[in-house]
Amino acid sequence: MTVIVAQAAELLVSSCMLAIVPNLSRGGRSYGVIENVVTHADYRRQGLGRRVLMHALDVAWQADCYKVLLATGSKRETTLRFYEEAGFQRGGKTYFEVRRP
């Protein structure tokens, strides 16, 4: 698990988490999962979210991950475009979720 952060004036203003998951398929190559991509509202549209996301991808590629997954609950088109512009594809696989009751 890696937490990637961006700071401004000693404040944590943008972050994401990358989990690298061991795998049995794909020749034993791991895959990455990115979660909790967030940027403080006062610091949005400055490229900080993109920078932490791109750094997470770099860490995953350096770890020889064969893919990186990212899920979002957001329905906002601007958020979805943000991820697409970072190279993620919408609708690639079907995602299921179960939460503890």
PDB file of N, CA and C in Angstrom:
ATOM      1  N   MET A   1       0.860  -1.163   0.000  1.00  0.00           N
ATOM      2  CA  MET A   1       0.000   0.000   0.000  1.00  0.00           C
ATOM      3  C   MET A   1       0.907   1.227   0.000  1.00  0.00           C
ATOM      4  N   THR A   2       0.619   2.145  -0.903  1.00  0.00           N
ATOM      5  CA  THR A   2       1.372   3.394  -0.990  1.00  0.00           C
ATOM      6  C   THR A   2       0.385   4.549  -0.984  1.00  0.00           C
ATOM      7  N   VAL A   3       0.640   5.536  -0.158  1.00  0.00           N
ATOM      8  CA  VAL A   3      -0.164   6.756  -0.137  1.00  0.00           C
ATOM      9  C   VAL A   3       0.667   7.839  -0.803  1.00  0.00           C
ATOM     10  N   ILE A   4       0.094   8.454  -1.808  1.00  0.00           N
ATOM     11  CA  ILE A   4       0.780   9.497  -2.567  1.00  0.00           C
ATOM     12  C   ILE A   4       0.090  10.813  -2.258  1.00  0.00           C
ATOM     13  N   VAL A   5       0.886  11.829  -1.919  1.00  0.00           N
ATOM     14  CA  VAL A   5       0.313  13.108  -1.517  1.00  0.00           C
ATOM     15  C   VAL A   5       0.968  14.265  -2.258  1.00  0.00           C
ATOM     16  N   ALA A   6       0.213  15.360  -2.348  1.00  0.00           N
ATOM     17  CA  ALA A   6       0.745  16.637  -2.822  1.00  0.00           C
ATOM     18  C   ALA A   6       0.506  17.653  -1.712  1.00  0.00           C
ATOM     19  N   GLN A   7       1.511  18.467  -1.467  1.00  0.00           N
ATOM     20  CA  GLN A   7       1.417  19.475  -0.429  1.00  0.00           C
ATOM     21  C   GLN A   7       1.508  20.861  -1.038  1.00  0.00           C
ATOM     22  N   ALA A   8       0.885  21.815  -0.361  1.00  0.00           N
ATOM     23  CA  ALA A   8       1.003  23.231  -0.705  1.00  0.00           C
ATOM     24  C   ALA A   8       1.045  23.979   0.616  1.00  0.00           C
ATOM     25  N   ALA A   9       2.077  24.763   0.803  1.00  0.00           N
ATOM     26  CA  ALA A   9       2.223  25.552   2.033  1.00  0.00           C
ATOM     27  C   ALA A   9       2.052  24.681   3.274  1.00  0.00           C
ATOM     28  N   GLU A  10       2.751  23.530   3.285  1.00  0.00           N
ATOM     29  CA  GLU A  10       2.738  22.617   4.434  1.00  0.00           C
ATOM     30  C   GLU A  10       1.391  21.924   4.663  1.00  0.00           C
ATOM     31  N   LEU A  11       0.443  22.075   3.733  1.00  0.00           N
ATOM     32  CA  LEU A  11      -0.860  21.426   3.851  1.00  0.00           C
ATOM     33  C   LEU A  11      -0.945  20.264   2.872  1.00  0.00           C
ATOM     34  N   LEU A  12      -1.537  19.162   3.314  1.00  0.00           N
ATOM     35  CA  LEU A  12      -1.815  18.056   2.412  1.00  0.00           C
ATOM     36  C   LEU A  12      -3.062  18.459   1.624  1.00  0.00           C
ATOM     37  N   VAL A  13      -2.929  18.606   0.304  1.00  0.00           N
ATOM     38  CA  VAL A  13      -4.051  19.125  -0.488  1.00  0.00           C
ATOM     39  C   VAL A  13      -4.569  18.141  -1.534  1.00  0.00           C
ATOM     40  N   SER A  14      -3.804  17.097  -1.830  1.00  0.00           N
ATOM     41  CA  SER A  14      -4.255  16.113  -2.805  1.00  0.00           C
ATOM     42  C   SER A  14      -3.607  14.778  -2.458  1.00  0.00           C
ATOM     43  N   SER A  15      -4.361  13.688  -2.667  1.00  0.00           N
ATOM     44  CA  SER A  15      -3.803  12.380  -2.336  1.00  0.00           C
ATOM     45  C   SER A  15      -4.531  11.270  -3.082  1.00  0.00           C
ATOM     46  N   CYS A  16      -3.895  10.119  -3.108  1.00  0.00           N
ATOM     47  CA  CYS A  16      -4.526   8.886  -3.554  1.00  0.00           C
ATOM     48  C   CYS A  16      -3.772   7.729  -2.932  1.00  0.00           C
ATOM     49  N   MET A  17      -4.418   6.575  -2.942  1.00  0.00           N
ATOM     50  CA  MET A  17      -3.806   5.362  -2.408  1.00  0.00           C
ATOM     51  C   MET A  17      -3.662   4.343  -3.525  1.00  0.00           C
ATOM     52  N   LEU A  18      -2.519   3.683  -3.546  1.00  0.00           N
ATOM     53  CA  LEU A  18      -2.250   2.627  -4.514  1.00  0.00           C
ATOM     54  C   LEU A  18      -1.968   1.341  -3.756  1.00  0.00           C
ATOM     55  N   ALA A  19      -2.737   0.315  -4.042  1.00  0.00           N
ATOM     56  CA  ALA A  19      -2.465  -1.022  -3.518  1.00  0.00           C
ATOM     57  C   ALA A  19      -1.925  -1.866  -4.663  1.00  0.00           C
ATOM     58  N   ILE A  20      -0.826  -2.544  -4.415  1.00  0.00           N
ATOM     59  CA  ILE A  20      -0.283  -3.474  -5.404  1.00  0.00           C
ATOM     60  C   ILE A  20      -0.632  -4.871  -4.919  1.00  0.00           C
ATOM     61  N   VAL A  21      -1.380  -5.582  -5.757  1.00  0.00           N
ATOM     62  CA  VAL A  21      -1.970  -6.859  -5.376  1.00  0.00           C
ATOM     63  C   VAL A  21      -1.221  -8.007  -6.066  1.00  0.00           C
ATOM     64  N   PRO A  22      -0.671  -8.939  -5.283  1.00  0.00           N
ATOM     65  CA  PRO A  22      -0.052 -10.119  -5.898  1.00  0.00           C
ATOM     66  C   PRO A  22      -1.110 -10.893  -6.686  1.00  0.00           C
ATOM     67  N   ASN A  23      -0.656 -11.635  -7.684  1.00  0.00           N
ATOM     68  CA  ASN A  23      -1.590 -12.259  -8.609  1.00  0.00           C
ATOM     69  C   ASN A  23      -1.064 -13.621  -9.041  1.00  0.00           C
ATOM     70  N   LEU A  24      -1.952 -14.539  -9.327  1.00  0.00           N
ATOM     71  CA  LEU A  24      -1.543 -15.863  -9.797  1.00  0.00           C
ATOM     72  C   LEU A  24      -1.572 -15.988 -11.313  1.00  0.00           C
ATOM     73  N   SER A  25      -2.369 -15.168 -11.981  1.00  0.00           N
ATOM     74  CA  SER A  25      -2.425 -15.229 -13.443  1.00  0.00           C
ATOM     75  C   SER A  25      -1.461 -14.202 -14.034  1.00  0.00           C
ATOM     76  N   ARG A  26      -1.460 -14.117 -15.340  1.00  0.00           N
ATOM     77  CA  ARG A  26      -0.583 -13.185 -16.055  1.00  0.00           C
ATOM     78  C   ARG A  26       0.886 -13.375 -15.676  1.00  0.00           C
ATOM     79  N   GLY A  27       1.274 -14.626 -15.576  1.00  0.00           N
ATOM     80  CA  GLY A  27       2.667 -14.922 -15.256  1.00  0.00           C
ATOM     81  C   GLY A  27       3.062 -14.492 -13.851  1.00  0.00           C
ATOM     82  N   GLY A  28       2.092 -14.379 -12.987  1.00  0.00           N
ATOM     83  CA  GLY A  28       2.378 -13.972 -11.614  1.00  0.00           C
ATOM     84  C   GLY A  28       2.584 -12.473 -11.439  1.00  0.00           C
ATOM     85  N   ARG A  29       2.285 -11.714 -12.482  1.00  0.00           N
ATOM     86  CA  ARG A  29       2.467 -10.249 -12.383  1.00  0.00           C
ATOM     87  C   ARG A  29       1.342  -9.634 -11.565  1.00  0.00           C
ATOM     88  N   SER A  30       1.710  -8.728 -10.704  1.00  0.00           N
ATOM     89  CA  SER A  30       0.757  -8.028  -9.847  1.00  0.00           C
ATOM     90  C   SER A  30      -0.087  -7.052 -10.651  1.00  0.00           C
ATOM     91  N   TYR A  31      -1.128  -6.536  -9.995  1.00  0.00           N
ATOM     92  CA  TYR A  31      -1.906  -5.443 -10.565  1.00  0.00           C
ATOM     93  C   TYR A  31      -2.101  -4.392  -9.481  1.00  0.00           C
ATOM     94  N   GLY A  32      -2.417  -3.184  -9.913  1.00  0.00           N
ATOM     95  CA  GLY A  32      -2.607  -2.079  -8.977  1.00  0.00           C
ATOM     96  C   GLY A  32      -4.067  -1.693  -8.870  1.00  0.00           C
ATOM     97  N   VAL A  33      -4.412  -1.171  -7.696  1.00  0.00           N
ATOM     98  CA  VAL A  33      -5.744  -0.622  -7.459  1.00  0.00           C
ATOM     99  C   VAL A  33      -5.561   0.757  -6.851  1.00  0.00           C
ATOM    100  N   ILE A  34      -6.138   1.748  -7.498  1.00  0.00           N
ATOM    101  CA  ILE A  34      -6.073   3.124  -6.997  1.00  0.00           C
ATOM    102  C   ILE A  34      -7.403   3.467  -6.362  1.00  0.00           C
ATOM    103  N   GLU A  35      -7.343   4.035  -5.170  1.00  0.00           N
ATOM    104  CA  GLU A  35      -8.539   4.430  -4.418  1.00  0.00           C
ATOM    105  C   GLU A  35      -8.329   5.807  -3.819  1.00  0.00           C
ATOM    106  N   ASN A  36      -9.430   6.395  -3.400  1.00  0.00           N
ATOM    107  CA  ASN A  36      -9.418   7.633  -2.603  1.00  0.00           C
ATOM    108  C   ASN A  36      -8.636   8.775  -3.251  1.00  0.00           C
ATOM    109  N   VAL A  37      -8.883   9.006  -4.524  1.00  0.00           N
ATOM    110  CA  VAL A  37      -8.286  10.147  -5.212  1.00  0.00           C
ATOM    111  C   VAL A  37      -9.075  11.385  -4.786  1.00  0.00           C
ATOM    112  N   VAL A  38      -8.409  12.299  -4.124  1.00  0.00           N
ATOM    113  CA  VAL A  38      -9.118  13.472  -3.617  1.00  0.00           C
ATOM    114  C   VAL A  38      -8.187  14.682  -3.621  1.00  0.00           C
ATOM    115  N   THR A  39      -8.773  15.831  -3.951  1.00  0.00           N
ATOM    116  CA  THR A  39      -8.059  17.106  -3.884  1.00  0.00           C
ATOM    117  C   THR A  39      -8.947  18.095  -3.160  1.00  0.00           C
ATOM    118  N   HIS A  40      -8.359  18.816  -2.222  1.00  0.00           N
ATOM    119  CA  HIS A  40      -9.094  19.841  -1.472  1.00  0.00           C
ATOM    120  C   HIS A  40      -9.720  20.823  -2.464  1.00  0.00           C
ATOM    121  N   ALA A  41     -10.949  21.223  -2.205  1.00  0.00           N
ATOM    122  CA  ALA A  41     -11.701  22.090  -3.128  1.00  0.00           C
ATOM    123  C   ALA A  41     -10.950  23.382  -3.466  1.00  0.00           C
ATOM    124  N   ASP A  42     -10.225  23.938  -2.529  1.00  0.00           N
ATOM    125  CA  ASP A  42      -9.495  25.193  -2.775  1.00  0.00           C
ATOM    126  C   ASP A  42      -8.293  25.017  -3.697  1.00  0.00           C
ATOM    127  N   TYR A  43      -7.903  23.770  -3.970  1.00  0.00           N
ATOM    128  CA  TYR A  43      -6.701  23.509  -4.765  1.00  0.00           C
ATOM    129  C   TYR A  43      -6.996  22.746  -6.051  1.00  0.00           C
ATOM    130  N   ARG A  44      -8.260  22.630  -6.406  1.00  0.00           N
ATOM    131  CA  ARG A  44      -8.615  21.922  -7.635  1.00  0.00           C
ATOM    132  C   ARG A  44      -8.287  22.767  -8.859  1.00  0.00           C
ATOM    133  N   ARG A  45      -8.188  22.077  -9.988  1.00  0.00           N
ATOM    134  CA  ARG A  45      -7.887  22.701 -11.282  1.00  0.00           C
ATOM    135  C   ARG A  45      -6.484  23.303 -11.339  1.00  0.00           C
ATOM    136  N   GLN A  46      -5.576  22.764 -10.524  1.00  0.00           N
ATOM    137  CA  GLN A  46      -4.177  23.190 -10.548  1.00  0.00           C
ATOM    138  C   GLN A  46      -3.253  22.051 -10.984  1.00  0.00           C
ATOM    139  N   GLY A  47      -3.838  20.901 -11.327  1.00  0.00           N
ATOM    140  CA  GLY A  47      -3.045  19.773 -11.790  1.00  0.00           C
ATOM    141  C   GLY A  47      -2.527  18.862 -10.691  1.00  0.00           C
ATOM    142  N   LEU A  48      -2.883  19.132  -9.445  1.00  0.00           N
ATOM    143  CA  LEU A  48      -2.359  18.337  -8.335  1.00  0.00           C
ATOM    144  C   LEU A  48      -2.947  16.925  -8.324  1.00  0.00           C
ATOM    145  N   GLY A  49      -4.237  16.805  -8.560  1.00  0.00           N
ATOM    146  CA  GLY A  49      -4.867  15.486  -8.623  1.00  0.00           C
ATOM    147  C   GLY A  49      -4.263  14.651  -9.732  1.00  0.00           C
ATOM    148  N   ARG A  50      -4.047  15.262 -10.865  1.00  0.00           N
ATOM    149  CA  ARG A  50      -3.432  14.558 -11.993  1.00  0.00           C
ATOM    150  C   ARG A  50      -2.015  14.123 -11.628  1.00  0.00           C
ATOM    151  N   ARG A  51      -1.280  14.965 -10.928  1.00  0.00           N
ATOM    152  CA  ARG A  51       0.101  14.629 -10.568  1.00  0.00           C
ATOM    153  C   ARG A  51       0.153  13.436  -9.615  1.00  0.00           C
ATOM    154  N   VAL A  52      -0.726  13.401  -8.604  1.00  0.00           N
ATOM    155  CA  VAL A  52      -0.688  12.251  -7.687  1.00  0.00           C
ATOM    156  C   VAL A  52      -1.147  10.984  -8.414  1.00  0.00           C
ATOM    157  N   LEU A  53      -2.123  11.115  -9.297  1.00  0.00           N
ATOM    158  CA  LEU A  53      -2.598   9.971 -10.062  1.00  0.00           C
ATOM    159  C   LEU A  53      -1.505   9.442 -10.998  1.00  0.00           C
ATOM    160  N   MET A  54      -0.812  10.328 -11.691  1.00  0.00           N
ATOM    161  CA  MET A  54       0.258   9.923 -12.602  1.00  0.00           C
ATOM    162  C   MET A  54       1.416   9.289 -11.823  1.00  0.00           C
ATOM    163  N   HIS A  55       1.685   9.813 -10.636  1.00  0.00           N
ATOM    164  CA  HIS A  55       2.755   9.220  -9.816  1.00  0.00           C
ATOM    165  C   HIS A  55       2.359   7.811  -9.378  1.00  0.00           C
ATOM    166  N   ALA A  56       1.100   7.624  -9.007  1.00  0.00           N
ATOM    167  CA  ALA A  56       0.620   6.288  -8.633  1.00  0.00           C
ATOM    168  C   ALA A  56       0.790   5.320  -9.801  1.00  0.00           C
ATOM    169  N   LEU A  57       0.453   5.758 -11.004  1.00  0.00           N
ATOM    170  CA  LEU A  57       0.641   4.908 -12.179  1.00  0.00           C
ATOM    171  C   LEU A  57       2.118   4.587 -12.391  1.00  0.00           C
ATOM    172  N   ASP A  58       2.984   5.576 -12.233  1.00  0.00           N
ATOM    173  CA  ASP A  58       4.427   5.337 -12.373  1.00  0.00           C
ATOM    174  C   ASP A  58       4.906   4.279 -11.376  1.00  0.00           C
ATOM    175  N   VAL A  59       4.452   4.378 -10.123  1.00  0.00           N
ATOM    176  CA  VAL A  59       4.843   3.397  -9.100  1.00  0.00           C
ATOM    177  C   VAL A  59       4.360   2.003  -9.508  1.00  0.00           C
ATOM    178  N   ALA A  60       3.133   1.918 -10.005  1.00  0.00           N
ATOM    179  CA  ALA A  60       2.586   0.622 -10.430  1.00  0.00           C
ATOM    180  C   ALA A  60       3.384   0.055 -11.599  1.00  0.00           C
ATOM    181  N   TRP A  61       3.720   0.869 -12.583  1.00  0.00           N
ATOM    182  CA  TRP A  61       4.473   0.375 -13.747  1.00  0.00           C
ATOM    183  C   TRP A  61       5.879  -0.039 -13.314  1.00  0.00           C
ATOM    184  N   GLN A  62       6.484   0.703 -12.399  1.00  0.00           N
ATOM    185  CA  GLN A  62       7.821   0.329 -11.909  1.00  0.00           C
ATOM    186  C   GLN A  62       7.773  -1.001 -11.153  1.00  0.00           C
ATOM    187  N   ALA A  63       6.630  -1.316 -10.551  1.00  0.00           N
ATOM    188  CA  ALA A  63       6.453  -2.594  -9.844  1.00  0.00           C
ATOM    189  C   ALA A  63       6.053  -3.707 -10.802  1.00  0.00           C
ATOM    190  N   ASP A  64       6.055  -3.415 -12.095  1.00  0.00           N
ATOM    191  CA  ASP A  64       5.720  -4.374 -13.151  1.00  0.00           C
ATOM    192  C   ASP A  64       4.275  -4.858 -13.087  1.00  0.00           C
ATOM    193  N   CYS A  65       3.362  -4.001 -12.616  1.00  0.00           N
ATOM    194  CA  CYS A  65       1.939  -4.336 -12.666  1.00  0.00           C
ATOM    195  C   CYS A  65       1.513  -4.435 -14.127  1.00  0.00           C
ATOM    196  N   TYR A  66       0.645  -5.377 -14.417  1.00  0.00           N
ATOM    197  CA  TYR A  66       0.190  -5.503 -15.803  1.00  0.00           C
ATOM    198  C   TYR A  66      -1.030  -4.638 -16.077  1.00  0.00           C
ATOM    199  N   LYS A  67      -1.718  -4.189 -15.004  1.00  0.00           N
ATOM    200  CA  LYS A  67      -2.852  -3.284 -15.170  1.00  0.00           C
ATOM    201  C   LYS A  67      -3.048  -2.524 -13.869  1.00  0.00           C
ATOM    202  N   VAL A  68      -3.801  -1.440 -13.967  1.00  0.00           N
ATOM    203  CA  VAL A  68      -4.185  -0.661 -12.786  1.00  0.00           C
ATOM    204  C   VAL A  68      -5.680  -0.406 -12.880  1.00  0.00           C
ATOM    205  N   LEU A  69      -6.378  -0.703 -11.799  1.00  0.00           N
ATOM    206  CA  LEU A  69      -7.823  -0.502 -11.708  1.00  0.00           C
ATOM    207  C   LEU A  69      -8.121   0.733 -10.879  1.00  0.00           C
ATOM    208  N   LEU A  70      -9.206   1.385 -11.220  1.00  0.00           N
ATOM    209  CA  LEU A  70      -9.680   2.529 -10.461  1.00  0.00           C
ATOM    210  C   LEU A  70     -11.202   2.514 -10.549  1.00  0.00           C
ATOM    211  N   ALA A  71     -11.858   2.603  -9.425  1.00  0.00           N
ATOM    212  CA  ALA A  71     -13.319   2.671  -9.407  1.00  0.00           C
ATOM    213  C   ALA A  71     -13.718   3.990  -8.763  1.00  0.00           C
ATOM    214  N   THR A  72     -14.807   4.551  -9.230  1.00  0.00           N
ATOM    215  CA  THR A  72     -15.331   5.771  -8.632  1.00  0.00           C
ATOM    216  C   THR A  72     -16.838   5.636  -8.489  1.00  0.00           C
ATOM    217  N   GLY A  73     -17.359   6.213  -7.444  1.00  0.00           N
ATOM    218  CA  GLY A  73     -18.803   6.264  -7.256  1.00  0.00           C
ATOM    219  C   GLY A  73     -19.394   7.543  -7.820  1.00  0.00           C
ATOM    220  N   SER A  74     -18.524   8.408  -8.324  1.00  0.00           N
ATOM    221  CA  SER A  74     -18.985   9.691  -8.847  1.00  0.00           C
ATOM    222  C   SER A  74     -19.742   9.510 -10.151  1.00  0.00           C
ATOM    223  N   LYS A  75     -20.802  10.256 -10.304  1.00  0.00           N
ATOM    224  CA  LYS A  75     -21.560  10.284 -11.556  1.00  0.00           C
ATOM    225  C   LYS A  75     -21.289  11.585 -12.318  1.00  0.00           C
ATOM    226  N   ARG A  76     -20.469  12.450 -11.710  1.00  0.00           N
ATOM    227  CA  ARG A  76     -20.179  13.747 -12.343  1.00  0.00           C
ATOM    228  C   ARG A  76     -19.331  13.556 -13.591  1.00  0.00           C
ATOM    229  N   GLU A  77     -19.795  14.085 -14.691  1.00  0.00           N
ATOM    230  CA  GLU A  77     -19.098  13.927 -15.961  1.00  0.00           C
ATOM    231  C   GLU A  77     -17.690  14.513 -15.900  1.00  0.00           C
ATOM    232  N   THR A  78     -17.499  15.612 -15.177  1.00  0.00           N
ATOM    233  CA  THR A  78     -16.154  16.208 -15.073  1.00  0.00           C
ATOM    234  C   THR A  78     -15.186  15.242 -14.380  1.00  0.00           C
ATOM    235  N   THR A  79     -15.660  14.538 -13.369  1.00  0.00           N
ATOM    236  CA  THR A  79     -14.821  13.566 -12.675  1.00  0.00           C
ATOM    237  C   THR A  79     -14.496  12.400 -13.592  1.00  0.00           C
ATOM    238  N   LEU A  80     -15.495  11.896 -14.301  1.00  0.00           N
ATOM    239  CA  LEU A  80     -15.277  10.768 -15.204  1.00  0.00           C
ATOM    240  C   LEU A  80     -14.319  11.139 -16.330  1.00  0.00           C
ATOM    241  N   ARG A  81     -14.438  12.346 -16.866  1.00  0.00           N
ATOM    242  CA  ARG A  81     -13.516  12.815 -17.910  1.00  0.00           C
ATOM    243  C   ARG A  81     -12.100  12.953 -17.362  1.00  0.00           C
ATOM    244  N   PHE A  82     -11.977  13.406 -16.098  1.00  0.00           N
ATOM    245  CA  PHE A  82     -10.664  13.529 -15.454  1.00  0.00           C
ATOM    246  C   PHE A  82      -9.929  12.185 -15.507  1.00  0.00           C
ATOM    247  N   TYR A  83     -10.634  11.104 -15.154  1.00  0.00           N
ATOM    248  CA  TYR A  83     -10.013   9.780 -15.176  1.00  0.00           C
ATOM    249  C   TYR A  83      -9.727   9.325 -16.603  1.00  0.00           C
ATOM    250  N   GLU A  84     -10.611   9.606 -17.515  1.00  0.00           N
ATOM    251  CA  GLU A  84     -10.371   9.237 -18.916  1.00  0.00           C
ATOM    252  C   GLU A  84      -9.163   9.978 -19.471  1.00  0.00           C
ATOM    253  N   GLU A  85      -9.031  11.246 -19.150  1.00  0.00           N
ATOM    254  CA  GLU A  85      -7.890  12.031 -19.622  1.00  0.00           C
ATOM    255  C   GLU A  85      -6.580  11.528 -19.026  1.00  0.00           C
ATOM    256  N   ALA A  86      -6.667  10.822 -17.897  1.00  0.00           N
ATOM    257  CA  ALA A  86      -5.480  10.232 -17.276  1.00  0.00           C
ATOM    258  C   ALA A  86      -5.169   8.854 -17.874  1.00  0.00           C
ATOM    259  N   GLY A  87      -6.006   8.386 -18.818  1.00  0.00           N
ATOM    260  CA  GLY A  87      -5.732   7.136 -19.509  1.00  0.00           C
ATOM    261  C   GLY A  87      -6.626   5.970 -19.128  1.00  0.00           C
ATOM    262  N   PHE A  88      -7.521   6.167 -18.170  1.00  0.00           N
ATOM    263  CA  PHE A  88      -8.423   5.098 -17.770  1.00  0.00           C
ATOM    264  C   PHE A  88      -9.589   5.010 -18.748  1.00  0.00           C
ATOM    265  N   GLN A  89     -10.075   3.783 -18.967  1.00  0.00           N
ATOM    266  CA  GLN A  89     -11.182   3.570 -19.896  1.00  0.00           C
ATOM    267  C   GLN A  89     -12.446   3.240 -19.125  1.00  0.00           C
ATOM    268  N   ARG A  90     -13.504   3.881 -19.515  1.00  0.00           N
ATOM    269  CA  ARG A  90     -14.816   3.640 -18.921  1.00  0.00           C
ATOM    270  C   ARG A  90     -15.414   2.361 -19.503  1.00  0.00           C
ATOM    271  N   GLY A  91     -16.036   1.566 -18.656  1.00  0.00           N
ATOM    272  CA  GLY A  91     -16.787   0.415 -19.143  1.00  0.00           C
ATOM    273  C   GLY A  91     -15.963  -0.774 -19.571  1.00  0.00           C
ATOM    274  N   GLY A  92     -14.702  -0.866 -19.155  1.00  0.00           N
ATOM    275  CA  GLY A  92     -13.866  -1.985 -19.568  1.00  0.00           C
ATOM    276  C   GLY A  92     -14.323  -3.326 -19.006  1.00  0.00           C
ATOM    277  N   LYS A  93     -14.635  -3.367 -17.746  1.00  0.00           N
ATOM    278  CA  LYS A  93     -15.085  -4.596 -17.095  1.00  0.00           C
ATOM    279  C   LYS A  93     -16.285  -4.266 -16.231  1.00  0.00           C
ATOM    280  N   THR A  94     -17.018  -5.279 -15.866  1.00  0.00           N
ATOM    281  CA  THR A  94     -18.137  -5.086 -14.955  1.00  0.00           C
ATOM    282  C   THR A  94     -17.610  -5.167 -13.532  1.00  0.00           C
ATOM    283  N   TYR A  95     -17.980  -4.233 -12.737  1.00  0.00           N
ATOM    284  CA  TYR A  95     -17.500  -4.125 -11.364  1.00  0.00           C
ATOM    285  C   TYR A  95     -18.639  -4.455 -10.410  1.00  0.00           C
ATOM    286  N   PHE A  96     -18.382  -5.334  -9.457  1.00  0.00           N
ATOM    287  CA  PHE A  96     -19.379  -5.688  -8.456  1.00  0.00           C
ATOM    288  C   PHE A  96     -18.840  -5.317  -7.086  1.00  0.00           C
ATOM    289  N   GLU A  97     -19.750  -5.077  -6.173  1.00  0.00           N
ATOM    290  CA  GLU A  97     -19.343  -4.689  -4.831  1.00  0.00           C
ATOM    291  C   GLU A  97     -20.296  -5.303  -3.817  1.00  0.00           C
ATOM    292  N   VAL A  98     -19.761  -5.710  -2.694  1.00  0.00           N
ATOM    293  CA  VAL A  98     -20.593  -6.134  -1.580  1.00  0.00           C
ATOM    294  C   VAL A  98     -20.022  -5.449  -0.336  1.00  0.00           C
ATOM    295  N   ARG A  99     -20.903  -4.955   0.488  1.00  0.00           N
ATOM    296  CA  ARG A  99     -20.473  -4.298   1.722  1.00  0.00           C
ATOM    297  C   ARG A  99     -20.945  -5.090   2.911  1.00  0.00           C
ATOM    298  N   ARG A 100     -20.181  -5.029   3.941  1.00  0.00           N
ATOM    299  CA  ARG A 100     -20.549  -5.725   5.175  1.00  0.00           C
ATOM    300  C   ARG A 100     -21.824  -5.156   5.745  1.00  0.00           C
ATOM    301  N   PRO A 101     -22.779  -6.015   6.084  1.00  0.00           N
ATOM    302  CA  PRO A 101     -24.063  -5.517   6.633  1.00  0.00           C
ATOM    303  C   PRO A 101     -23.880  -4.922   8.028  1.00  0.00           C
TER     304      PRO A 101
END
